[in-house]
Amino acid sequence: MIDMKMLQDLTMLTLSPEESAQLQAELEAKLAGMADFAALELPDDAPLCVTPLVRENVLRDDIVLPHTGRETLLQNAPAHTGEYYAAPAIQE
């Protein structure tokens, strides 16, 4: 049985008695399910992680492109001062 008072203290939750009873029932059901897994007899060399996904790199290779120049980049800036982007001050 889960000590809900201790759980609420550790997680700093404030639960009504109804919420506490519902959460306790849900947690106990989950723990019972985990006990089913613990009861399985597995060989010592069973893999720790089995995934049906094919593991391959799906990212494209990095491609170095020539620099487009500061003037071209600043044309897309909402505001700029000379050769730099202009950003609003966030601190006085």
PDB file of N, CA and C in Angstrom:
ATOM      1  N   MET A   1       0.842  -1.181   0.000  1.00  0.00           N
ATOM      2  CA  MET A   1       0.000   0.000   0.000  1.00  0.00           C
ATOM      3  C   MET A   1       0.887   1.245   0.000  1.00  0.00           C
ATOM      4  N   ILE A   2       0.508   2.212  -0.771  1.00  0.00           N
ATOM      5  CA  ILE A   2       1.288   3.426  -0.919  1.00  0.00           C
ATOM      6  C   ILE A   2       0.921   4.410   0.179  1.00  0.00           C
ATOM      7  N   ASP A   3       1.944   4.977   0.819  1.00  0.00           N
ATOM      8  CA  ASP A   3       1.732   5.988   1.854  1.00  0.00           C
ATOM      9  C   ASP A   3       1.512   7.327   1.148  1.00  0.00           C
ATOM     10  N   MET A   4       0.265   7.697   0.952  1.00  0.00           N
ATOM     11  CA  MET A   4      -0.068   8.888   0.184  1.00  0.00           C
ATOM     12  C   MET A   4       0.349  10.171   0.905  1.00  0.00           C
ATOM     13  N   LYS A   5       0.344  10.175   2.217  1.00  0.00           N
ATOM     14  CA  LYS A   5       0.777  11.360   2.961  1.00  0.00           C
ATOM     15  C   LYS A   5       2.248  11.638   2.670  1.00  0.00           C
ATOM     16  N   MET A   6       3.073  10.593   2.711  1.00  0.00           N
ATOM     17  CA  MET A   6       4.494  10.772   2.428  1.00  0.00           C
ATOM     18  C   MET A   6       4.702  11.191   0.970  1.00  0.00           C
ATOM     19  N   LEU A   7       3.932  10.594   0.056  1.00  0.00           N
ATOM     20  CA  LEU A   7       4.046  10.940  -1.358  1.00  0.00           C
ATOM     21  C   LEU A   7       3.680  12.406  -1.580  1.00  0.00           C
ATOM     22  N   GLN A   8       2.635  12.870  -0.944  1.00  0.00           N
ATOM     23  CA  GLN A   8       2.233  14.271  -1.079  1.00  0.00           C
ATOM     24  C   GLN A   8       3.294  15.201  -0.498  1.00  0.00           C
ATOM     25  N   ASP A   9       3.911  14.806   0.617  1.00  0.00           N
ATOM     26  CA  ASP A   9       4.970  15.625   1.202  1.00  0.00           C
ATOM     27  C   ASP A   9       6.188  15.690   0.282  1.00  0.00           C
ATOM     28  N   LEU A  10       6.570  14.549  -0.297  1.00  0.00           N
ATOM     29  CA  LEU A  10       7.743  14.509  -1.166  1.00  0.00           C
ATOM     30  C   LEU A  10       7.534  15.287  -2.460  1.00  0.00           C
ATOM     31  N   THR A  11       6.330  15.223  -3.004  1.00  0.00           N
ATOM     32  CA  THR A  11       6.047  15.885  -4.280  1.00  0.00           C
ATOM     33  C   THR A  11       5.455  17.274  -4.104  1.00  0.00           C
ATOM     34  N   MET A  12       5.216  17.679  -2.872  1.00  0.00           N
ATOM     35  CA  MET A  12       4.624  18.976  -2.563  1.00  0.00           C
ATOM     36  C   MET A  12       3.280  19.161  -3.249  1.00  0.00           C
ATOM     37  N   LEU A  13       2.501  18.075  -3.305  1.00  0.00           N
ATOM     38  CA  LEU A  13       1.162  18.120  -3.871  1.00  0.00           C
ATOM     39  C   LEU A  13       0.148  18.341  -2.764  1.00  0.00           C
ATOM     40  N   THR A  14      -0.916  19.022  -3.083  1.00  0.00           N
ATOM     41  CA  THR A  14      -2.047  19.153  -2.171  1.00  0.00           C
ATOM     42  C   THR A  14      -3.236  18.515  -2.871  1.00  0.00           C
ATOM     43  N   LEU A  15      -3.655  17.359  -2.368  1.00  0.00           N
ATOM     44  CA  LEU A  15      -4.738  16.601  -2.992  1.00  0.00           C
ATOM     45  C   LEU A  15      -5.919  16.498  -2.040  1.00  0.00           C
ATOM     46  N   SER A  16      -7.093  16.536  -2.612  1.00  0.00           N
ATOM     47  CA  SER A  16      -8.285  16.290  -1.816  1.00  0.00           C
ATOM     48  C   SER A  16      -8.317  14.793  -1.490  1.00  0.00           C
ATOM     49  N   PRO A  17      -9.116  14.378  -0.509  1.00  0.00           N
ATOM     50  CA  PRO A  17      -9.199  12.951  -0.195  1.00  0.00           C
ATOM     51  C   PRO A  17      -9.633  12.112  -1.409  1.00  0.00           C
ATOM     52  N   GLU A  18     -10.529  12.650  -2.227  1.00  0.00           N
ATOM     53  CA  GLU A  18     -10.976  11.914  -3.420  1.00  0.00           C
ATOM     54  C   GLU A  18      -9.838  11.778  -4.427  1.00  0.00           C
ATOM     55  N   GLU A  19      -9.100  12.866  -4.661  1.00  0.00           N
ATOM     56  CA  GLU A  19      -7.970  12.825  -5.586  1.00  0.00           C
ATOM     57  C   GLU A  19      -6.894  11.878  -5.083  1.00  0.00           C
ATOM     58  N   SER A  20      -6.652  11.917  -3.784  1.00  0.00           N
ATOM     59  CA  SER A  20      -5.649  11.044  -3.189  1.00  0.00           C
ATOM     60  C   SER A  20      -6.029   9.578  -3.363  1.00  0.00           C
ATOM     61  N   ALA A  21      -7.299   9.249  -3.155  1.00  0.00           N
ATOM     62  CA  ALA A  21      -7.756   7.866  -3.308  1.00  0.00           C
ATOM     63  C   ALA A  21      -7.649   7.425  -4.768  1.00  0.00           C
ATOM     64  N   GLN A  22      -8.000   8.322  -5.696  1.00  0.00           N
ATOM     65  CA  GLN A  22      -7.918   7.980  -7.125  1.00  0.00           C
ATOM     66  C   GLN A  22      -6.464   7.771  -7.542  1.00  0.00           C
ATOM     67  N   LEU A  23      -5.570   8.665  -7.105  1.00  0.00           N
ATOM     68  CA  LEU A  23      -4.158   8.539  -7.450  1.00  0.00           C
ATOM     69  C   LEU A  23      -3.563   7.275  -6.839  1.00  0.00           C
ATOM     70  N   GLN A  24      -3.942   6.965  -5.621  1.00  0.00           N
ATOM     71  CA  GLN A  24      -3.438   5.763  -4.973  1.00  0.00           C
ATOM     72  C   GLN A  24      -3.860   4.520  -5.756  1.00  0.00           C
ATOM     73  N   ALA A  25      -5.105   4.466  -6.182  1.00  0.00           N
ATOM     74  CA  ALA A  25      -5.581   3.312  -6.950  1.00  0.00           C
ATOM     75  C   ALA A  25      -4.831   3.198  -8.279  1.00  0.00           C
ATOM     76  N   GLU A  26      -4.602   4.325  -8.946  1.00  0.00           N
ATOM     77  CA  GLU A  26      -3.881   4.298 -10.222  1.00  0.00           C
ATOM     78  C   GLU A  26      -2.438   3.846 -10.034  1.00  0.00           C
ATOM     79  N   LEU A  27      -1.775   4.365  -9.004  1.00  0.00           N
ATOM     80  CA  LEU A  27      -0.383   3.984  -8.755  1.00  0.00           C
ATOM     81  C   LEU A  27      -0.265   2.512  -8.376  1.00  0.00           C
ATOM     82  N   GLU A  28      -1.187   2.026  -7.559  1.00  0.00           N
ATOM     83  CA  GLU A  28      -1.139   0.622  -7.172  1.00  0.00           C
ATOM     84  C   GLU A  28      -1.377  -0.284  -8.371  1.00  0.00           C
ATOM     85  N   ALA A  29      -2.233   0.122  -9.302  1.00  0.00           N
ATOM     86  CA  ALA A  29      -2.453  -0.663 -10.521  1.00  0.00           C
ATOM     87  C   ALA A  29      -1.186  -0.702 -11.367  1.00  0.00           C
ATOM     88  N   LYS A  30      -0.504   0.428 -11.469  1.00  0.00           N
ATOM     89  CA  LYS A  30       0.740   0.472 -12.235  1.00  0.00           C
ATOM     90  C   LYS A  30       1.816  -0.399 -11.585  1.00  0.00           C
ATOM     91  N   LEU A  31       1.917  -0.329 -10.265  1.00  0.00           N
ATOM     92  CA  LEU A  31       2.907  -1.147  -9.568  1.00  0.00           C
ATOM     93  C   LEU A  31       2.590  -2.635  -9.695  1.00  0.00           C
ATOM     94  N   ALA A  32       1.315  -2.980  -9.710  1.00  0.00           N
ATOM     95  CA  ALA A  32       0.935  -4.380  -9.907  1.00  0.00           C
ATOM     96  C   ALA A  32       1.351  -4.841 -11.295  1.00  0.00           C
ATOM     97  N   GLY A  33       1.197  -3.972 -12.288  1.00  0.00           N
ATOM     98  CA  GLY A  33       1.646  -4.306 -13.635  1.00  0.00           C
ATOM     99  C   GLY A  33       3.154  -4.503 -13.692  1.00  0.00           C
ATOM    100  N   MET A  34       3.891  -3.691 -12.969  1.00  0.00           N
ATOM    101  CA  MET A  34       5.345  -3.850 -12.930  1.00  0.00           C
ATOM    102  C   MET A  34       5.730  -5.156 -12.246  1.00  0.00           C
ATOM    103  N   ALA A  35       4.959  -5.569 -11.271  1.00  0.00           N
ATOM    104  CA  ALA A  35       5.231  -6.836 -10.599  1.00  0.00           C
ATOM    105  C   ALA A  35       5.077  -8.002 -11.575  1.00  0.00           C
ATOM    106  N   ASP A  36       4.138  -7.876 -12.525  1.00  0.00           N
ATOM    107  CA  ASP A  36       3.990  -8.909 -13.552  1.00  0.00           C
ATOM    108  C   ASP A  36       5.261  -9.034 -14.385  1.00  0.00           C
ATOM    109  N   PHE A  37       5.868  -7.906 -14.718  1.00  0.00           N
ATOM    110  CA  PHE A  37       7.121  -7.944 -15.470  1.00  0.00           C
ATOM    111  C   PHE A  37       8.239  -8.563 -14.642  1.00  0.00           C
ATOM    112  N   ALA A  38       8.288  -8.225 -13.367  1.00  0.00           N
ATOM    113  CA  ALA A  38       9.343  -8.755 -12.501  1.00  0.00           C
ATOM    114  C   ALA A  38       9.222 -10.268 -12.358  1.00  0.00           C
ATOM    115  N   ALA A  39       8.027 -10.805 -12.501  1.00  0.00           N
ATOM    116  CA  ALA A  39       7.822 -12.244 -12.337  1.00  0.00           C
ATOM    117  C   ALA A  39       8.243 -13.040 -13.573  1.00  0.00           C
ATOM    118  N   LEU A  40       8.487 -12.387 -14.697  1.00  0.00           N
ATOM    119  CA  LEU A  40       8.883 -13.095 -15.915  1.00  0.00           C
ATOM    120  C   LEU A  40      10.262 -13.708 -15.753  1.00  0.00           C
ATOM    121  N   GLU A  41      10.413 -14.924 -16.245  1.00  0.00           N
ATOM    122  CA  GLU A  41      11.714 -15.570 -16.214  1.00  0.00           C
ATOM    123  C   GLU A  41      12.403 -15.321 -17.549  1.00  0.00           C
ATOM    124  N   LEU A  42      13.458 -14.531 -17.499  1.00  0.00           N
ATOM    125  CA  LEU A  42      14.192 -14.174 -18.706  1.00  0.00           C
ATOM    126  C   LEU A  42      15.587 -14.771 -18.652  1.00  0.00           C
ATOM    127  N   PRO A  43      16.151 -15.103 -19.813  1.00  0.00           N
ATOM    128  CA  PRO A  43      17.532 -15.606 -19.811  1.00  0.00           C
ATOM    129  C   PRO A  43      18.489 -14.490 -19.387  1.00  0.00           C
ATOM    130  N   ASP A  44      19.643 -14.889 -18.906  1.00  0.00           N
ATOM    131  CA  ASP A  44      20.620 -13.917 -18.425  1.00  0.00           C
ATOM    132  C   ASP A  44      21.138 -13.006 -19.535  1.00  0.00           C
ATOM    133  N   ASP A  45      21.111 -13.484 -20.772  1.00  0.00           N
ATOM    134  CA  ASP A  45      21.633 -12.676 -21.870  1.00  0.00           C
ATOM    135  C   ASP A  45      20.531 -11.961 -22.651  1.00  0.00           C
ATOM    136  N   ALA A  46      19.367 -11.768 -22.042  1.00  0.00           N
ATOM    137  CA  ALA A  46      18.264 -11.073 -22.712  1.00  0.00           C
ATOM    138  C   ALA A  46      18.650  -9.617 -22.931  1.00  0.00           C
ATOM    139  N   PRO A  47      18.333  -9.056 -24.103  1.00  0.00           N
ATOM    140  CA  PRO A  47      18.686  -7.653 -24.341  1.00  0.00           C
ATOM    141  C   PRO A  47      17.907  -6.733 -23.411  1.00  0.00           C
ATOM    142  N   LEU A  48      18.547  -5.656 -23.016  1.00  0.00           N
ATOM    143  CA  LEU A  48      17.897  -4.699 -22.129  1.00  0.00           C
ATOM    144  C   LEU A  48      16.903  -3.821 -22.871  1.00  0.00           C
ATOM    145  N   CYS A  49      17.124  -3.642 -24.158  1.00  0.00           N
ATOM    146  CA  CYS A  49      16.249  -2.775 -24.946  1.00  0.00           C
ATOM    147  C   CYS A  49      16.020  -3.433 -26.296  1.00  0.00           C
ATOM    148  N   VAL A  50      14.771  -3.598 -26.633  1.00  0.00           N
ATOM    149  CA  VAL A  50      14.426  -4.145 -27.940  1.00  0.00           C
ATOM    150  C   VAL A  50      13.564  -3.109 -28.632  1.00  0.00           C
ATOM    151  N   THR A  51      13.957  -2.756 -29.837  1.00  0.00           N
ATOM    152  CA  THR A  51      13.185  -1.763 -30.572  1.00  0.00           C
ATOM    153  C   THR A  51      12.900  -2.273 -31.973  1.00  0.00           C
ATOM    154  N   PRO A  52      11.697  -2.090 -32.446  1.00  0.00           N
ATOM    155  CA  PRO A  52      11.381  -2.532 -33.804  1.00  0.00           C
ATOM    156  C   PRO A  52      11.857  -1.548 -34.858  1.00  0.00           C
ATOM    157  N   LEU A  53      12.368  -0.411 -34.417  1.00  0.00           N
ATOM    158  CA  LEU A  53      12.777   0.625 -35.353  1.00  0.00           C
ATOM    159  C   LEU A  53      14.138   0.306 -35.958  1.00  0.00           C
ATOM    160  N   VAL A  54      14.281   0.626 -37.211  1.00  0.00           N
ATOM    161  CA  VAL A  54      15.575   0.493 -37.858  1.00  0.00           C
ATOM    162  C   VAL A  54      16.380   1.726 -37.482  1.00  0.00           C
ATOM    163  N   ARG A  55      17.553   1.488 -36.950  1.00  0.00           N
ATOM    164  CA  ARG A  55      18.376   2.620 -36.529  1.00  0.00           C
ATOM    165  C   ARG A  55      19.303   3.020 -37.665  1.00  0.00           C
ATOM    166  N   GLU A  56      18.997   4.163 -38.246  1.00  0.00           N
ATOM    167  CA  GLU A  56      19.844   4.697 -39.291  1.00  0.00           C
ATOM    168  C   GLU A  56      19.828   6.216 -39.178  1.00  0.00           C
ATOM    169  N   ASN A  57      20.849   6.825 -39.674  1.00  0.00           N
ATOM    170  CA  ASN A  57      20.936   8.269 -39.617  1.00  0.00           C
ATOM    171  C   ASN A  57      20.002   8.855 -40.665  1.00  0.00           C
ATOM    172  N   VAL A  58      19.013   9.605 -40.226  1.00  0.00           N
ATOM    173  CA  VAL A  58      18.060  10.188 -41.155  1.00  0.00           C
ATOM    174  C   VAL A  58      18.354  11.665 -41.409  1.00  0.00           C
ATOM    175  N   LEU A  59      19.430  12.164 -40.836  1.00  0.00           N
ATOM    176  CA  LEU A  59      19.791  13.557 -41.043  1.00  0.00           C
ATOM    177  C   LEU A  59      20.687  13.693 -42.256  1.00  0.00           C
ATOM    178  N   ARG A  60      20.565  14.783 -42.928  1.00  0.00           N
ATOM    179  CA  ARG A  60      21.402  14.998 -44.097  1.00  0.00           C
ATOM    180  C   ARG A  60      22.805  15.394 -43.656  1.00  0.00           C
ATOM    181  N   ASP A  61      23.765  15.240 -44.551  1.00  0.00           N
ATOM    182  CA  ASP A  61      25.123  15.664 -44.264  1.00  0.00           C
ATOM    183  C   ASP A  61      25.183  17.184 -44.233  1.00  0.00           C
ATOM    184  N   ASP A  62      26.074  17.715 -43.412  1.00  0.00           N
ATOM    185  CA  ASP A  62      26.276  19.157 -43.388  1.00  0.00           C
ATOM    186  C   ASP A  62      26.972  19.577 -44.677  1.00  0.00           C
ATOM    187  N   ILE A  63      26.478  20.640 -45.252  1.00  0.00           N
ATOM    188  CA  ILE A  63      27.062  21.157 -46.486  1.00  0.00           C
ATOM    189  C   ILE A  63      27.525  22.576 -46.225  1.00  0.00           C
ATOM    190  N   VAL A  64      28.797  22.835 -46.444  1.00  0.00           N
ATOM    191  CA  VAL A  64      29.340  24.165 -46.252  1.00  0.00           C
ATOM    192  C   VAL A  64      29.057  24.977 -47.507  1.00  0.00           C
ATOM    193  N   LEU A  65      28.386  26.098 -47.341  1.00  0.00           N
ATOM    194  CA  LEU A  65      28.060  26.978 -48.454  1.00  0.00           C
ATOM    195  C   LEU A  65      28.900  28.244 -48.348  1.00  0.00           C
ATOM    196  N   PRO A  66      29.117  28.894 -49.440  1.00  0.00           N
ATOM    197  CA  PRO A  66      29.900  30.134 -49.373  1.00  0.00           C
ATOM    198  C   PRO A  66      29.139  31.197 -48.581  1.00  0.00           C
ATOM    199  N   HIS A  67      29.892  32.041 -47.909  1.00  0.00           N
ATOM    200  CA  HIS A  67      29.307  33.125 -47.122  1.00  0.00           C
ATOM    201  C   HIS A  67      28.620  34.106 -48.067  1.00  0.00           C
ATOM    202  N   THR A  68      27.409  34.513 -47.706  1.00  0.00           N
ATOM    203  CA  THR A  68      26.643  35.388 -48.599  1.00  0.00           C
ATOM    204  C   THR A  68      26.967  36.861 -48.415  1.00  0.00           C
ATOM    205  N   GLY A  69      27.684  37.181 -47.394  1.00  0.00           N
ATOM    206  CA  GLY A  69      28.038  38.577 -47.175  1.00  0.00           C
ATOM    207  C   GLY A  69      27.147  39.250 -46.160  1.00  0.00           C
ATOM    208  N   ARG A  70      27.723  40.155 -45.417  1.00  0.00           N
ATOM    209  CA  ARG A  70      27.016  40.835 -44.335  1.00  0.00           C
ATOM    210  C   ARG A  70      25.865  41.675 -44.860  1.00  0.00           C
ATOM    211  N   GLU A  71      26.049  42.352 -45.955  1.00  0.00           N
ATOM    212  CA  GLU A  71      25.013  43.226 -46.483  1.00  0.00           C
ATOM    213  C   GLU A  71      23.757  42.427 -46.851  1.00  0.00           C
ATOM    214  N   THR A  72      23.955  41.278 -47.466  1.00  0.00           N
ATOM    215  CA  THR A  72      22.824  40.437 -47.851  1.00  0.00           C
ATOM    216  C   THR A  72      22.062  39.952 -46.620  1.00  0.00           C
ATOM    217  N   LEU A  73      22.798  39.552 -45.595  1.00  0.00           N
ATOM    218  CA  LEU A  73      22.154  39.080 -44.364  1.00  0.00           C
ATOM    219  C   LEU A  73      21.408  40.209 -43.663  1.00  0.00           C
ATOM    220  N   LEU A  74      21.990  41.401 -43.655  1.00  0.00           N
ATOM    221  CA  LEU A  74      21.338  42.520 -42.977  1.00  0.00           C
ATOM    222  C   LEU A  74      20.093  42.995 -43.707  1.00  0.00           C
ATOM    223  N   GLN A  75      19.952  42.682 -44.993  1.00  0.00           N
ATOM    224  CA  GLN A  75      18.740  43.062 -45.719  1.00  0.00           C
ATOM    225  C   GLN A  75      17.511  42.369 -45.144  1.00  0.00           C
ATOM    226  N   ASN A  76      17.693  41.188 -44.559  1.00  0.00           N
ATOM    227  CA  ASN A  76      16.576  40.430 -43.981  1.00  0.00           C
ATOM    228  C   ASN A  76      16.317  40.771 -42.520  1.00  0.00           C
ATOM    229  N   ALA A  77      17.172  41.590 -41.938  1.00  0.00           N
ATOM    230  CA  ALA A  77      17.011  41.941 -40.528  1.00  0.00           C
ATOM    231  C   ALA A  77      15.873  42.939 -40.369  1.00  0.00           C
ATOM    232  N   PRO A  78      15.057  42.801 -39.334  1.00  0.00           N
ATOM    233  CA  PRO A  78      13.990  43.778 -39.115  1.00  0.00           C
ATOM    234  C   PRO A  78      14.561  45.172 -38.838  1.00  0.00           C
ATOM    235  N   ALA A  79      15.715  45.212 -38.200  1.00  0.00           N
ATOM    236  CA  ALA A  79      16.377  46.490 -37.943  1.00  0.00           C
ATOM    237  C   ALA A  79      17.868  46.231 -37.815  1.00  0.00           C
ATOM    238  N   HIS A  80      18.656  47.192 -38.242  1.00  0.00           N
ATOM    239  CA  HIS A  80      20.106  47.045 -38.080  1.00  0.00           C
ATOM    240  C   HIS A  80      20.726  48.426 -37.928  1.00  0.00           C
ATOM    241  N   THR A  81      21.877  48.422 -37.287  1.00  0.00           N
ATOM    242  CA  THR A  81      22.630  49.659 -37.105  1.00  0.00           C
ATOM    243  C   THR A  81      23.979  49.459 -37.761  1.00  0.00           C
ATOM    244  N   GLY A  82      24.138  49.988 -38.924  1.00  0.00           N
ATOM    245  CA  GLY A  82      25.413  49.831 -39.623  1.00  0.00           C
ATOM    246  C   GLY A  82      25.638  48.391 -40.019  1.00  0.00           C
ATOM    247  N   GLU A  83      26.553  47.739 -39.333  1.00  0.00           N
ATOM    248  CA  GLU A  83      26.914  46.374 -39.711  1.00  0.00           C
ATOM    249  C   GLU A  83      26.411  45.313 -38.731  1.00  0.00           C
ATOM    250  N   TYR A  84      25.520  45.660 -37.810  1.00  0.00           N
ATOM    251  CA  TYR A  84      25.030  44.729 -36.800  1.00  0.00           C
ATOM    252  C   TYR A  84      23.505  44.683 -36.787  1.00  0.00           C
ATOM    253  N   TYR A  85      22.956  43.529 -36.364  1.00  0.00           N
ATOM    254  CA  TYR A  85      21.516  43.438 -36.107  1.00  0.00           C
ATOM    255  C   TYR A  85      21.184  44.347 -34.936  1.00  0.00           C
ATOM    256  N   ALA A  86      20.033  44.982 -34.980  1.00  0.00           N
ATOM    257  CA  ALA A  86      19.577  45.814 -33.874  1.00  0.00           C
ATOM    258  C   ALA A  86      18.498  45.043 -33.125  1.00  0.00           C
ATOM    259  N   ALA A  87      18.701  44.868 -31.845  1.00  0.00           N
ATOM    260  CA  ALA A  87      17.729  44.164 -31.009  1.00  0.00           C
ATOM    261  C   ALA A  87      17.281  45.104 -29.900  1.00  0.00           C
ATOM    262  N   PRO A  88      16.017  45.000 -29.485  1.00  0.00           N
ATOM    263  CA  PRO A  88      15.565  45.872 -28.399  1.00  0.00           C
ATOM    264  C   PRO A  88      16.269  45.516 -27.093  1.00  0.00           C
ATOM    265  N   ALA A  89      16.494  46.528 -26.293  1.00  0.00           N
ATOM    266  CA  ALA A  89      17.136  46.320 -25.004  1.00  0.00           C
ATOM    267  C   ALA A  89      16.203  45.518 -24.100  1.00  0.00           C
ATOM    268  N   ILE A  90      16.762  44.565 -23.389  1.00  0.00           N
ATOM    269  CA  ILE A  90      15.944  43.763 -22.471  1.00  0.00           C
ATOM    270  C   ILE A  90      16.260  44.120 -21.021  1.00  0.00           C
ATOM    271  N   GLN A  91      17.268  44.938 -20.825  1.00  0.00           N
ATOM    272  CA  GLN A  91      17.655  45.320 -19.482  1.00  0.00           C
ATOM    273  C   GLN A  91      18.045  46.797 -19.505  1.00  0.00           C
ATOM    274  N   GLU A  92      17.696  47.505 -18.473  1.00  0.00           N
ATOM    275  CA  GLU A  92      18.050  48.925 -18.418  1.00  0.00           C
ATOM    276  C   GLU A  92      19.399  49.115 -17.806  1.00  0.00           C
TER     277      GLU A  92
END
